[in-house]
Amino acid sequence: FVRFTCKDEAAATAFDELVARTGEQIRANEPGTVIYAVHRVD
């Protein structure tokens, strides 16, 4: 369980884009990764 705090809104947007790109690769290439879920914190 990992908590990240972004520097500012622009950084949060860029981080979300990085997460999306990486997540595509994880889904396509990692059968041993059962869950890889990312959430914004309300």
PDB file of all heavy atoms in Angstrom:
ATOM      1  N   PHE A   1       0.884  -1.160   0.000  1.00  0.00           N
ATOM      2  CA  PHE A   1       0.000   0.000   0.000  1.00  0.00           C
ATOM      3  C   PHE A   1       0.920   1.207   0.000  1.00  0.00           C
ATOM      4  O   PHE A   1       1.765   1.348   0.891  1.00  0.00           O
ATOM      5  CB  PHE A   1      -0.912   0.013   1.231  1.00  0.00           C
ATOM      6  CG  PHE A   1      -1.880   1.154   1.200  1.00  0.00           C
ATOM      7  CD1 PHE A   1      -2.986   1.116   0.374  1.00  0.00           C
ATOM      8  CD2 PHE A   1      -1.658   2.283   1.967  1.00  0.00           C
ATOM      9  CE1 PHE A   1      -3.876   2.183   0.322  1.00  0.00           C
ATOM     10  CE2 PHE A   1      -2.540   3.353   1.922  1.00  0.00           C
ATOM     11  CZ  PHE A   1      -3.658   3.297   1.102  1.00  0.00           C
ATOM     12  N   VAL A   2       0.798   2.044  -1.031  1.00  0.00           N
ATOM     13  CA  VAL A   2       1.719   3.169  -1.208  1.00  0.00           C
ATOM     14  C   VAL A   2       0.918   4.461  -1.310  1.00  0.00           C
ATOM     15  O   VAL A   2      -0.081   4.520  -2.031  1.00  0.00           O
ATOM     16  CB  VAL A   2       2.582   2.991  -2.481  1.00  0.00           C
ATOM     17  CG1 VAL A   2       3.606   4.108  -2.603  1.00  0.00           C
ATOM     18  CG2 VAL A   2       3.244   1.623  -2.502  1.00  0.00           C
ATOM     19  N   ARG A   3       1.357   5.470  -0.577  1.00  0.00           N
ATOM     20  CA  ARG A   3       0.754   6.794  -0.646  1.00  0.00           C
ATOM     21  C   ARG A   3       1.771   7.768  -1.237  1.00  0.00           C
ATOM     22  O   ARG A   3       2.892   7.867  -0.745  1.00  0.00           O
ATOM     23  CB  ARG A   3       0.339   7.262   0.749  1.00  0.00           C
ATOM     24  CG  ARG A   3      -0.866   6.518   1.282  1.00  0.00           C
ATOM     25  CD  ARG A   3      -1.068   6.749   2.774  1.00  0.00           C
ATOM     26  NE  ARG A   3       0.066   6.325   3.592  1.00  0.00           N
ATOM     27  CZ  ARG A   3       0.323   5.050   3.936  1.00  0.00           C
ATOM     28  NH1 ARG A   3      -0.431   4.080   3.508  1.00  0.00           N
ATOM     29  NH2 ARG A   3       1.352   4.753   4.682  1.00  0.00           N
ATOM     30  N   PHE A   4       1.342   8.446  -2.286  1.00  0.00           N
ATOM     31  CA  PHE A   4       2.170   9.458  -2.926  1.00  0.00           C
ATOM     32  C   PHE A   4       1.506  10.817  -2.764  1.00  0.00           C
ATOM     33  O   PHE A   4       0.285  10.928  -2.896  1.00  0.00           O
ATOM     34  CB  PHE A   4       2.313   9.194  -4.431  1.00  0.00           C
ATOM     35  CG  PHE A   4       3.068   7.951  -4.777  1.00  0.00           C
ATOM     36  CD1 PHE A   4       2.428   6.880  -5.365  1.00  0.00           C
ATOM     37  CD2 PHE A   4       4.428   7.843  -4.523  1.00  0.00           C
ATOM     38  CE1 PHE A   4       3.120   5.732  -5.713  1.00  0.00           C
ATOM     39  CE2 PHE A   4       5.137   6.698  -4.863  1.00  0.00           C
ATOM     40  CZ  PHE A   4       4.468   5.643  -5.455  1.00  0.00           C
ATOM     41  N   THR A   5       2.308  11.842  -2.510  1.00  0.00           N
ATOM     42  CA  THR A   5       1.823  13.212  -2.514  1.00  0.00           C
ATOM     43  C   THR A   5       2.555  13.953  -3.620  1.00  0.00           C
ATOM     44  O   THR A   5       3.797  14.001  -3.634  1.00  0.00           O
ATOM     45  CB  THR A   5       2.068  13.904  -1.158  1.00  0.00           C
ATOM     46  OG1 THR A   5       1.430  13.125  -0.132  1.00  0.00           O
ATOM     47  CG2 THR A   5       1.504  15.325  -1.159  1.00  0.00           C
ATOM     48  N   CYS A   6       1.782  14.516  -4.546  1.00  0.00           N
ATOM     49  CA  CYS A   6       2.362  15.255  -5.671  1.00  0.00           C
ATOM     50  C   CYS A   6       2.694  16.687  -5.251  1.00  0.00           C
ATOM     51  O   CYS A   6       2.123  17.215  -4.291  1.00  0.00           O
ATOM     52  CB  CYS A   6       1.379  15.258  -6.843  1.00  0.00           C
ATOM     53  SG  CYS A   6       1.027  13.606  -7.478  1.00  0.00           S
ATOM     54  N   LYS A   7       3.620  17.295  -5.962  1.00  0.00           N
ATOM     55  CA  LYS A   7       4.099  18.635  -5.610  1.00  0.00           C
ATOM     56  C   LYS A   7       3.035  19.712  -5.807  1.00  0.00           C
ATOM     57  O   LYS A   7       2.954  20.658  -5.025  1.00  0.00           O
ATOM     58  CB  LYS A   7       5.329  18.979  -6.445  1.00  0.00           C
ATOM     59  CG  LYS A   7       6.532  18.133  -6.095  1.00  0.00           C
ATOM     60  CD  LYS A   7       7.711  18.468  -6.989  1.00  0.00           C
ATOM     61  CE  LYS A   7       8.916  17.611  -6.616  1.00  0.00           C
ATOM     62  NZ  LYS A   7      10.061  17.865  -7.491  1.00  0.00           N
ATOM     63  N   ASP A   8       2.272  19.599  -6.898  1.00  0.00           N
ATOM     64  CA  ASP A   8       1.240  20.592  -7.213  1.00  0.00           C
ATOM     65  C   ASP A   8       0.302  19.966  -8.249  1.00  0.00           C
ATOM     66  O   ASP A   8       0.475  18.802  -8.619  1.00  0.00           O
ATOM     67  CB  ASP A   8       1.857  21.898  -7.730  1.00  0.00           C
ATOM     68  CG  ASP A   8       2.810  21.695  -8.908  1.00  0.00           C
ATOM     69  OD1 ASP A   8       2.568  20.794  -9.749  1.00  0.00           O
ATOM     70  OD2 ASP A   8       3.799  22.443  -8.989  1.00  0.00           O
ATOM     71  N   GLU A   9      -0.690  20.727  -8.705  1.00  0.00           N
ATOM     72  CA  GLU A   9      -1.679  20.175  -9.636  1.00  0.00           C
ATOM     73  C   GLU A   9      -1.056  19.747 -10.960  1.00  0.00           C
ATOM     74  O   GLU A   9      -1.442  18.716 -11.521  1.00  0.00           O
ATOM     75  CB  GLU A   9      -2.809  21.170  -9.859  1.00  0.00           C
ATOM     76  CG  GLU A   9      -3.713  21.309  -8.646  1.00  0.00           C
ATOM     77  CD  GLU A   9      -4.876  22.239  -8.889  1.00  0.00           C
ATOM     78  OE1 GLU A   9      -5.243  22.465 -10.054  1.00  0.00           O
ATOM     79  OE2 GLU A   9      -5.435  22.729  -7.895  1.00  0.00           O
ATOM     80  N   ALA A  10      -0.120  20.535 -11.479  1.00  0.00           N
ATOM     81  CA  ALA A  10       0.535  20.162 -12.734  1.00  0.00           C
ATOM     82  C   ALA A  10       1.314  18.857 -12.565  1.00  0.00           C
ATOM     83  O   ALA A  10       1.282  17.983 -13.445  1.00  0.00           O
ATOM     84  CB  ALA A  10       1.460  21.278 -13.208  1.00  0.00           C
ATOM     85  N   ALA A  11       1.984  18.713 -11.439  1.00  0.00           N
ATOM     86  CA  ALA A  11       2.721  17.483 -11.162  1.00  0.00           C
ATOM     87  C   ALA A  11       1.761  16.299 -11.022  1.00  0.00           C
ATOM     88  O   ALA A  11       2.055  15.196 -11.492  1.00  0.00           O
ATOM     89  CB  ALA A  11       3.571  17.643  -9.901  1.00  0.00           C
ATOM     90  N   ALA A  12       0.604  16.524 -10.403  1.00  0.00           N
ATOM     91  CA  ALA A  12      -0.381  15.453 -10.247  1.00  0.00           C
ATOM     92  C   ALA A  12      -0.887  14.981 -11.612  1.00  0.00           C
ATOM     93  O   ALA A  12      -1.027  13.775 -11.841  1.00  0.00           O
ATOM     94  CB  ALA A  12      -1.542  15.926  -9.376  1.00  0.00           C
ATOM     95  N   THR A  13      -1.129  15.916 -12.516  1.00  0.00           N
ATOM     96  CA  THR A  13      -1.577  15.553 -13.861  1.00  0.00           C
ATOM     97  C   THR A  13      -0.506  14.739 -14.589  1.00  0.00           C
ATOM     98  O   THR A  13      -0.798  13.695 -15.187  1.00  0.00           O
ATOM     99  CB  THR A  13      -1.929  16.819 -14.669  1.00  0.00           C
ATOM    100  OG1 THR A  13      -3.012  17.481 -14.002  1.00  0.00           O
ATOM    101  CG2 THR A  13      -2.324  16.482 -16.090  1.00  0.00           C
ATOM    102  N   ALA A  14       0.728  15.178 -14.521  1.00  0.00           N
ATOM    103  CA  ALA A  14       1.830  14.459 -15.170  1.00  0.00           C
ATOM    104  C   ALA A  14       2.039  13.091 -14.524  1.00  0.00           C
ATOM    105  O   ALA A  14       2.291  12.092 -15.220  1.00  0.00           O
ATOM    106  CB  ALA A  14       3.109  15.284 -15.111  1.00  0.00           C
ATOM    107  N   PHE A  15       1.920  13.015 -13.202  1.00  0.00           N
ATOM    108  CA  PHE A  15       2.062  11.746 -12.502  1.00  0.00           C
ATOM    109  C   PHE A  15       0.963  10.775 -12.938  1.00  0.00           C
ATOM    110  O   PHE A  15       1.229   9.604 -13.209  1.00  0.00           O
ATOM    111  CB  PHE A  15       2.020  11.968 -10.991  1.00  0.00           C
ATOM    112  CG  PHE A  15       2.204  10.723 -10.181  1.00  0.00           C
ATOM    113  CD1 PHE A  15       3.427  10.073 -10.137  1.00  0.00           C
ATOM    114  CD2 PHE A  15       1.145  10.185  -9.463  1.00  0.00           C
ATOM    115  CE1 PHE A  15       3.606   8.917  -9.386  1.00  0.00           C
ATOM    116  CE2 PHE A  15       1.309   9.038  -8.705  1.00  0.00           C
ATOM    117  CZ  PHE A  15       2.538   8.395  -8.672  1.00  0.00           C
ATOM    118  N   ASP A  16      -0.269  11.256 -13.048  1.00  0.00           N
ATOM    119  CA  ASP A  16      -1.374  10.405 -13.486  1.00  0.00           C
ATOM    120  C   ASP A  16      -1.126   9.856 -14.894  1.00  0.00           C
ATOM    121  O   ASP A  16      -1.441   8.699 -15.186  1.00  0.00           O
ATOM    122  CB  ASP A  16      -2.692  11.168 -13.445  1.00  0.00           C
ATOM    123  CG  ASP A  16      -3.164  11.460 -12.028  1.00  0.00           C
ATOM    124  OD1 ASP A  16      -2.672  10.820 -11.069  1.00  0.00           O
ATOM    125  OD2 ASP A  16      -4.039  12.342 -11.880  1.00  0.00           O
ATOM    126  N   GLU A  17      -0.553  10.675 -15.764  1.00  0.00           N
ATOM    127  CA  GLU A  17      -0.226  10.211 -17.121  1.00  0.00           C
ATOM    128  C   GLU A  17       0.853   9.136 -17.081  1.00  0.00           C
ATOM    129  O   GLU A  17       0.762   8.124 -17.794  1.00  0.00           O
ATOM    130  CB  GLU A  17       0.203  11.397 -17.984  1.00  0.00           C
ATOM    131  CG  GLU A  17      -0.933  12.346 -18.273  1.00  0.00           C
ATOM    132  CD  GLU A  17      -0.490  13.665 -18.878  1.00  0.00           C
ATOM    133  OE1 GLU A  17       0.732  13.870 -19.106  1.00  0.00           O
ATOM    134  OE2 GLU A  17      -1.369  14.518 -19.114  1.00  0.00           O
ATOM    135  N   LEU A  18       1.865   9.325 -16.249  1.00  0.00           N
ATOM    136  CA  LEU A  18       2.919   8.326 -16.081  1.00  0.00           C
ATOM    137  C   LEU A  18       2.331   7.019 -15.548  1.00  0.00           C
ATOM    138  O   LEU A  18       2.657   5.926 -16.031  1.00  0.00           O
ATOM    139  CB  LEU A  18       3.995   8.854 -15.131  1.00  0.00           C
ATOM    140  CG  LEU A  18       5.093   7.883 -14.717  1.00  0.00           C
ATOM    141  CD1 LEU A  18       5.916   7.442 -15.923  1.00  0.00           C
ATOM    142  CD2 LEU A  18       5.976   8.520 -13.648  1.00  0.00           C
ATOM    143  N   VAL A  19       1.445   7.125 -14.570  1.00  0.00           N
ATOM    144  CA  VAL A  19       0.798   5.947 -13.987  1.00  0.00           C
ATOM    145  C   VAL A  19      -0.010   5.207 -15.054  1.00  0.00           C
ATOM    146  O   VAL A  19       0.049   3.977 -15.142  1.00  0.00           O
ATOM    147  CB  VAL A  19      -0.096   6.363 -12.798  1.00  0.00           C
ATOM    148  CG1 VAL A  19      -1.007   5.232 -12.361  1.00  0.00           C
ATOM    149  CG2 VAL A  19       0.766   6.842 -11.636  1.00  0.00           C
ATOM    150  N   ALA A  20      -0.744   5.929 -15.876  1.00  0.00           N
ATOM    151  CA  ALA A  20      -1.562   5.296 -16.920  1.00  0.00           C
ATOM    152  C   ALA A  20      -0.688   4.542 -17.918  1.00  0.00           C
ATOM    153  O   ALA A  20      -1.002   3.394 -18.282  1.00  0.00           O
ATOM    154  CB  ALA A  20      -2.412   6.353 -17.633  1.00  0.00           C
ATOM    155  N   ARG A  21       0.401   5.152 -18.356  1.00  0.00           N
ATOM    156  CA  ARG A  21       1.306   4.485 -19.307  1.00  0.00           C
ATOM    157  C   ARG A  21       1.906   3.223 -18.697  1.00  0.00           C
ATOM    158  O   ARG A  21       1.980   2.175 -19.332  1.00  0.00           O
ATOM    159  CB  ARG A  21       2.433   5.428 -19.740  1.00  0.00           C
ATOM    160  CG  ARG A  21       2.004   6.533 -20.658  1.00  0.00           C
ATOM    161  CD  ARG A  21       3.210   7.251 -21.273  1.00  0.00           C
ATOM    162  NE  ARG A  21       4.230   7.656 -20.324  1.00  0.00           N
ATOM    163  CZ  ARG A  21       4.264   8.819 -19.672  1.00  0.00           C
ATOM    164  NH1 ARG A  21       3.301   9.706 -19.851  1.00  0.00           N
ATOM    165  NH2 ARG A  21       5.264   9.100 -18.860  1.00  0.00           N
ATOM    166  N   THR A  22       2.332   3.340 -17.458  1.00  0.00           N
ATOM    167  CA  THR A  22       2.944   2.199 -16.777  1.00  0.00           C
ATOM    168  C   THR A  22       1.911   1.104 -16.539  1.00  0.00           C
ATOM    169  O   THR A  22       2.201  -0.084 -16.723  1.00  0.00           O
ATOM    170  CB  THR A  22       3.588   2.645 -15.456  1.00  0.00           C
ATOM    171  OG1 THR A  22       4.487   3.731 -15.717  1.00  0.00           O
ATOM    172  CG2 THR A  22       4.342   1.504 -14.793  1.00  0.00           C
ATOM    173  N   GLY A  23       0.718   1.485 -16.151  1.00  0.00           N
ATOM    174  CA  GLY A  23      -0.345   0.522 -15.897  1.00  0.00           C
ATOM    175  C   GLY A  23      -0.684  -0.320 -17.116  1.00  0.00           C
ATOM    176  O   GLY A  23      -0.963  -1.519 -16.994  1.00  0.00           O
ATOM    177  N   GLU A  24      -0.654   0.291 -18.297  1.00  0.00           N
ATOM    178  CA  GLU A  24      -0.892  -0.466 -19.531  1.00  0.00           C
ATOM    179  C   GLU A  24       0.127  -1.593 -19.679  1.00  0.00           C
ATOM    180  O   GLU A  24      -0.223  -2.716 -20.045  1.00  0.00           O
ATOM    181  CB  GLU A  24      -0.816   0.464 -20.745  1.00  0.00           C
ATOM    182  CG  GLU A  24      -1.957   1.434 -20.845  1.00  0.00           C
ATOM    183  CD  GLU A  24      -1.771   2.439 -21.969  1.00  0.00           C
ATOM    184  OE1 GLU A  24      -0.842   2.275 -22.793  1.00  0.00           O
ATOM    185  OE2 GLU A  24      -2.559   3.395 -22.016  1.00  0.00           O
ATOM    186  N   GLN A  25       1.377  -1.303 -19.400  1.00  0.00           N
ATOM    187  CA  GLN A  25       2.436  -2.305 -19.506  1.00  0.00           C
ATOM    188  C   GLN A  25       2.274  -3.403 -18.447  1.00  0.00           C
ATOM    189  O   GLN A  25       2.485  -4.584 -18.732  1.00  0.00           O
ATOM    190  CB  GLN A  25       3.806  -1.644 -19.365  1.00  0.00           C
ATOM    191  CG  GLN A  25       4.155  -0.709 -20.492  1.00  0.00           C
ATOM    192  CD  GLN A  25       4.319  -1.467 -21.791  1.00  0.00           C
ATOM    193  OE1 GLN A  25       4.916  -2.534 -21.835  1.00  0.00           O
ATOM    194  NE2 GLN A  25       3.759  -0.929 -22.856  1.00  0.00           N
ATOM    195  N   ILE A  26       1.901  -3.014 -17.253  1.00  0.00           N
ATOM    196  CA  ILE A  26       1.706  -3.990 -16.183  1.00  0.00           C
ATOM    197  C   ILE A  26       0.586  -4.954 -16.552  1.00  0.00           C
ATOM    198  O   ILE A  26       0.734  -6.174 -16.431  1.00  0.00           O
ATOM    199  CB  ILE A  26       1.425  -3.274 -14.842  1.00  0.00           C
ATOM    200  CG1 ILE A  26       2.691  -2.539 -14.377  1.00  0.00           C
ATOM    201  CG2 ILE A  26       0.934  -4.257 -13.785  1.00  0.00           C
ATOM    202  CD1 ILE A  26       2.465  -1.572 -13.240  1.00  0.00           C
ATOM    203  N   ARG A  27      -0.558  -4.415 -17.024  1.00  0.00           N
ATOM    204  CA  ARG A  27      -1.682  -5.273 -17.417  1.00  0.00           C
ATOM    205  C   ARG A  27      -1.290  -6.227 -18.541  1.00  0.00           C
ATOM    206  O   ARG A  27      -1.697  -7.388 -18.536  1.00  0.00           O
ATOM    207  CB  ARG A  27      -2.879  -4.417 -17.844  1.00  0.00           C
ATOM    208  CG  ARG A  27      -3.631  -3.820 -16.667  1.00  0.00           C
ATOM    209  CD  ARG A  27      -4.911  -3.130 -17.108  1.00  0.00           C
ATOM    210  NE  ARG A  27      -4.695  -1.981 -17.981  1.00  0.00           N
ATOM    211  CZ  ARG A  27      -4.355  -0.773 -17.563  1.00  0.00           C
ATOM    212  NH1 ARG A  27      -4.166  -0.536 -16.283  1.00  0.00           N
ATOM    213  NH2 ARG A  27      -4.197   0.209 -18.424  1.00  0.00           N
ATOM    214  N   ALA A  28      -0.495  -5.772 -19.475  1.00  0.00           N
ATOM    215  CA  ALA A  28      -0.147  -6.577 -20.645  1.00  0.00           C
ATOM    216  C   ALA A  28       0.936  -7.620 -20.375  1.00  0.00           C
ATOM    217  O   ALA A  28       0.986  -8.643 -21.063  1.00  0.00           O
ATOM    218  CB  ALA A  28       0.301  -5.658 -21.785  1.00  0.00           C
ATOM    219  N   ASN A  29       1.788  -7.385 -19.378  1.00  0.00           N
ATOM    220  CA  ASN A  29       3.006  -8.193 -19.259  1.00  0.00           C
ATOM    221  C   ASN A  29       3.231  -8.886 -17.924  1.00  0.00           C
ATOM    222  O   ASN A  29       4.266  -9.536 -17.761  1.00  0.00           O
ATOM    223  CB  ASN A  29       4.223  -7.301 -19.543  1.00  0.00           C
ATOM    224  CG  ASN A  29       4.193  -6.745 -20.940  1.00  0.00           C
ATOM    225  OD1 ASN A  29       4.185  -7.485 -21.906  1.00  0.00           O
ATOM    226  ND2 ASN A  29       4.150  -5.429 -21.058  1.00  0.00           N
ATOM    227  N   GLU A  30       2.316  -8.764 -16.981  1.00  0.00           N
ATOM    228  CA  GLU A  30       2.601  -9.289 -15.644  1.00  0.00           C
ATOM    229  C   GLU A  30       1.469 -10.173 -15.109  1.00  0.00           C
ATOM    230  O   GLU A  30       0.638  -9.723 -14.322  1.00  0.00           O
ATOM    231  CB  GLU A  30       2.857  -8.134 -14.671  1.00  0.00           C
ATOM    232  CG  GLU A  30       4.071  -7.317 -15.022  1.00  0.00           C
ATOM    233  CD  GLU A  30       4.371  -6.246 -14.000  1.00  0.00           C
ATOM    234  OE1 GLU A  30       3.990  -6.392 -12.820  1.00  0.00           O
ATOM    235  OE2 GLU A  30       4.996  -5.244 -14.394  1.00  0.00           O
ATOM    236  N   PRO A  31       1.455 -11.440 -15.487  1.00  0.00           N
ATOM    237  CA  PRO A  31       0.404 -12.327 -14.970  1.00  0.00           C
ATOM    238  C   PRO A  31       0.485 -12.529 -13.460  1.00  0.00           C
ATOM    239  O   PRO A  31      -0.530 -12.836 -12.824  1.00  0.00           O
ATOM    240  CB  PRO A  31       0.635 -13.638 -15.721  1.00  0.00           C
ATOM    241  CG  PRO A  31       2.052 -13.573 -16.198  1.00  0.00           C
ATOM    242  CD  PRO A  31       2.357 -12.118 -16.416  1.00  0.00           C
ATOM    243  N   GLY A  32       1.639 -12.324 -12.858  1.00  0.00           N
ATOM    244  CA  GLY A  32       1.798 -12.483 -11.416  1.00  0.00           C
ATOM    245  C   GLY A  32       1.359 -11.279 -10.611  1.00  0.00           C
ATOM    246  O   GLY A  32       1.305 -11.332  -9.385  1.00  0.00           O
ATOM    247  N   THR A  33       1.026 -10.180 -11.295  1.00  0.00           N
ATOM    248  CA  THR A  33       0.477  -9.010 -10.625  1.00  0.00           C
ATOM    249  C   THR A  33      -1.037  -9.172 -10.627  1.00  0.00           C
ATOM    250  O   THR A  33      -1.685  -9.058 -11.659  1.00  0.00           O
ATOM    251  CB  THR A  33       0.896  -7.707 -11.338  1.00  0.00           C
ATOM    252  OG1 THR A  33       2.326  -7.637 -11.328  1.00  0.00           O
ATOM    253  CG2 THR A  33       0.320  -6.486 -10.643  1.00  0.00           C
ATOM    254  N   VAL A  34      -1.584  -9.467  -9.454  1.00  0.00           N
ATOM    255  CA  VAL A  34      -3.003  -9.780  -9.320  1.00  0.00           C
ATOM    256  C   VAL A  34      -3.845  -8.508  -9.341  1.00  0.00           C
ATOM    257  O   VAL A  34      -4.863  -8.431 -10.029  1.00  0.00           O
ATOM    258  CB  VAL A  34      -3.248 -10.581  -8.024  1.00  0.00           C
ATOM    259  CG1 VAL A  34      -4.717 -10.901  -7.830  1.00  0.00           C
ATOM    260  CG2 VAL A  34      -2.408 -11.853  -8.018  1.00  0.00           C
ATOM    261  N   ILE A  35      -3.424  -7.509  -8.576  1.00  0.00           N
ATOM    262  CA  ILE A  35      -4.116  -6.218  -8.511  1.00  0.00           C
ATOM    263  C   ILE A  35      -3.059  -5.117  -8.520  1.00  0.00           C
ATOM    264  O   ILE A  35      -2.076  -5.181  -7.789  1.00  0.00           O
ATOM    265  CB  ILE A  35      -4.964  -6.087  -7.230  1.00  0.00           C
ATOM    266  CG1 ILE A  35      -6.079  -7.128  -7.212  1.00  0.00           C
ATOM    267  CG2 ILE A  35      -5.539  -4.665  -7.101  1.00  0.00           C
ATOM    268  CD1 ILE A  35      -6.837  -7.180  -5.898  1.00  0.00           C
ATOM    269  N   TYR A  36      -3.299  -4.109  -9.356  1.00  0.00           N
ATOM    270  CA  TYR A  36      -2.468  -2.908  -9.358  1.00  0.00           C
ATOM    271  C   TYR A  36      -3.439  -1.749  -9.536  1.00  0.00           C
ATOM    272  O   TYR A  36      -3.789  -1.373 -10.646  1.00  0.00           O
ATOM    273  CB  TYR A  36      -1.438  -2.958 -10.494  1.00  0.00           C
ATOM    274  CG  TYR A  36      -0.359  -1.916 -10.387  1.00  0.00           C
ATOM    275  CD1 TYR A  36       0.806  -2.179  -9.690  1.00  0.00           C
ATOM    276  CD2 TYR A  36      -0.514  -0.669 -10.983  1.00  0.00           C
ATOM    277  CE1 TYR A  36       1.804  -1.219  -9.584  1.00  0.00           C
ATOM    278  CE2 TYR A  36       0.487   0.291 -10.883  1.00  0.00           C
ATOM    279  CZ  TYR A  36       1.637   0.008 -10.188  1.00  0.00           C
ATOM    280  OH  TYR A  36       2.631   0.967 -10.086  1.00  0.00           O
ATOM    281  N   ALA A  37      -3.943  -1.256  -8.429  1.00  0.00           N
ATOM    282  CA  ALA A  37      -5.004  -0.247  -8.451  1.00  0.00           C
ATOM    283  C   ALA A  37      -4.481   1.075  -7.915  1.00  0.00           C
ATOM    284  O   ALA A  37      -3.780   1.106  -6.899  1.00  0.00           O
ATOM    285  CB  ALA A  37      -6.181  -0.719  -7.606  1.00  0.00           C
ATOM    286  N   VAL A  38      -4.850   2.149  -8.608  1.00  0.00           N
ATOM    287  CA  VAL A  38      -4.429   3.489  -8.227  1.00  0.00           C
ATOM    288  C   VAL A  38      -5.683   4.325  -7.972  1.00  0.00           C
ATOM    289  O   VAL A  38      -6.624   4.295  -8.765  1.00  0.00           O
ATOM    290  CB  VAL A  38      -3.580   4.135  -9.341  1.00  0.00           C
ATOM    291  CG1 VAL A  38      -3.113   5.521  -8.937  1.00  0.00           C
ATOM    292  CG2 VAL A  38      -2.411   3.241  -9.699  1.00  0.00           C
ATOM    293  N   HIS A  39      -5.671   5.067  -6.866  1.00  0.00           N
ATOM    294  CA  HIS A  39      -6.830   5.853  -6.469  1.00  0.00           C
ATOM    295  C   HIS A  39      -6.428   7.294  -6.191  1.00  0.00           C
ATOM    296  O   HIS A  39      -5.354   7.544  -5.634  1.00  0.00           O
ATOM    297  CB  HIS A  39      -7.444   5.297  -5.177  1.00  0.00           C
ATOM    298  CG  HIS A  39      -7.801   3.860  -5.253  1.00  0.00           C
ATOM    299  ND1 HIS A  39      -9.029   3.420  -5.663  1.00  0.00           N
ATOM    300  CD2 HIS A  39      -7.073   2.748  -4.982  1.00  0.00           C
ATOM    301  CE1 HIS A  39      -9.065   2.108  -5.634  1.00  0.00           C
ATOM    302  NE2 HIS A  39      -7.887   1.665  -5.230  1.00  0.00           N
ATOM    303  N   ARG A  40      -7.308   8.237  -6.539  1.00  0.00           N
ATOM    304  CA  ARG A  40      -7.201   9.590  -6.012  1.00  0.00           C
ATOM    305  C   ARG A  40      -7.812   9.549  -4.619  1.00  0.00           C
ATOM    306  O   ARG A  40      -8.747   8.792  -4.373  1.00  0.00           O
ATOM    307  CB  ARG A  40      -7.979  10.565  -6.895  1.00  0.00           C
ATOM    308  CG  ARG A  40      -7.313  10.824  -8.224  1.00  0.00           C
ATOM    309  CD  ARG A  40      -8.053  11.928  -8.988  1.00  0.00           C
ATOM    310  NE  ARG A  40      -7.410  12.145 -10.253  1.00  0.00           N
ATOM    311  CZ  ARG A  40      -7.787  11.562 -11.402  1.00  0.00           C
ATOM    312  NH1 ARG A  40      -8.813  10.736 -11.413  1.00  0.00           N
ATOM    313  NH2 ARG A  40      -7.134  11.801 -12.510  1.00  0.00           N
ATOM    314  N   VAL A  41      -7.303  10.370  -3.730  1.00  0.00           N
ATOM    315  CA  VAL A  41      -7.797  10.393  -2.357  1.00  0.00           C
ATOM    316  C   VAL A  41      -8.813  11.526  -2.226  1.00  0.00           C
ATOM    317  O   VAL A  41      -8.487  12.694  -2.469  1.00  0.00           O
ATOM    318  CB  VAL A  41      -6.629  10.555  -1.348  1.00  0.00           C
ATOM    319  CG1 VAL A  41      -7.161  10.605   0.073  1.00  0.00           C
ATOM    320  CG2 VAL A  41      -5.628   9.417  -1.524  1.00  0.00           C
ATOM    321  N   ASP A  42     -10.024  11.170  -1.858  1.00  0.00           N
ATOM    322  CA  ASP A  42     -11.110  12.144  -1.721  1.00  0.00           C
ATOM    323  C   ASP A  42     -10.713  13.258  -0.751  1.00  0.00           C
ATOM    324  O   ASP A  42     -10.261  12.991   0.371  1.00  0.00           O
ATOM    325  CB  ASP A  42     -12.371  11.430  -1.226  1.00  0.00           C
ATOM    326  CG  ASP A  42     -13.595  12.322  -1.258  1.00  0.00           C
ATOM    327  OD1 ASP A  42     -13.704  13.171  -2.166  1.00  0.00           O
ATOM    328  OD2 ASP A  42     -14.443  12.167  -0.357  1.00  0.00           O
TER     329      ASP A  42
END
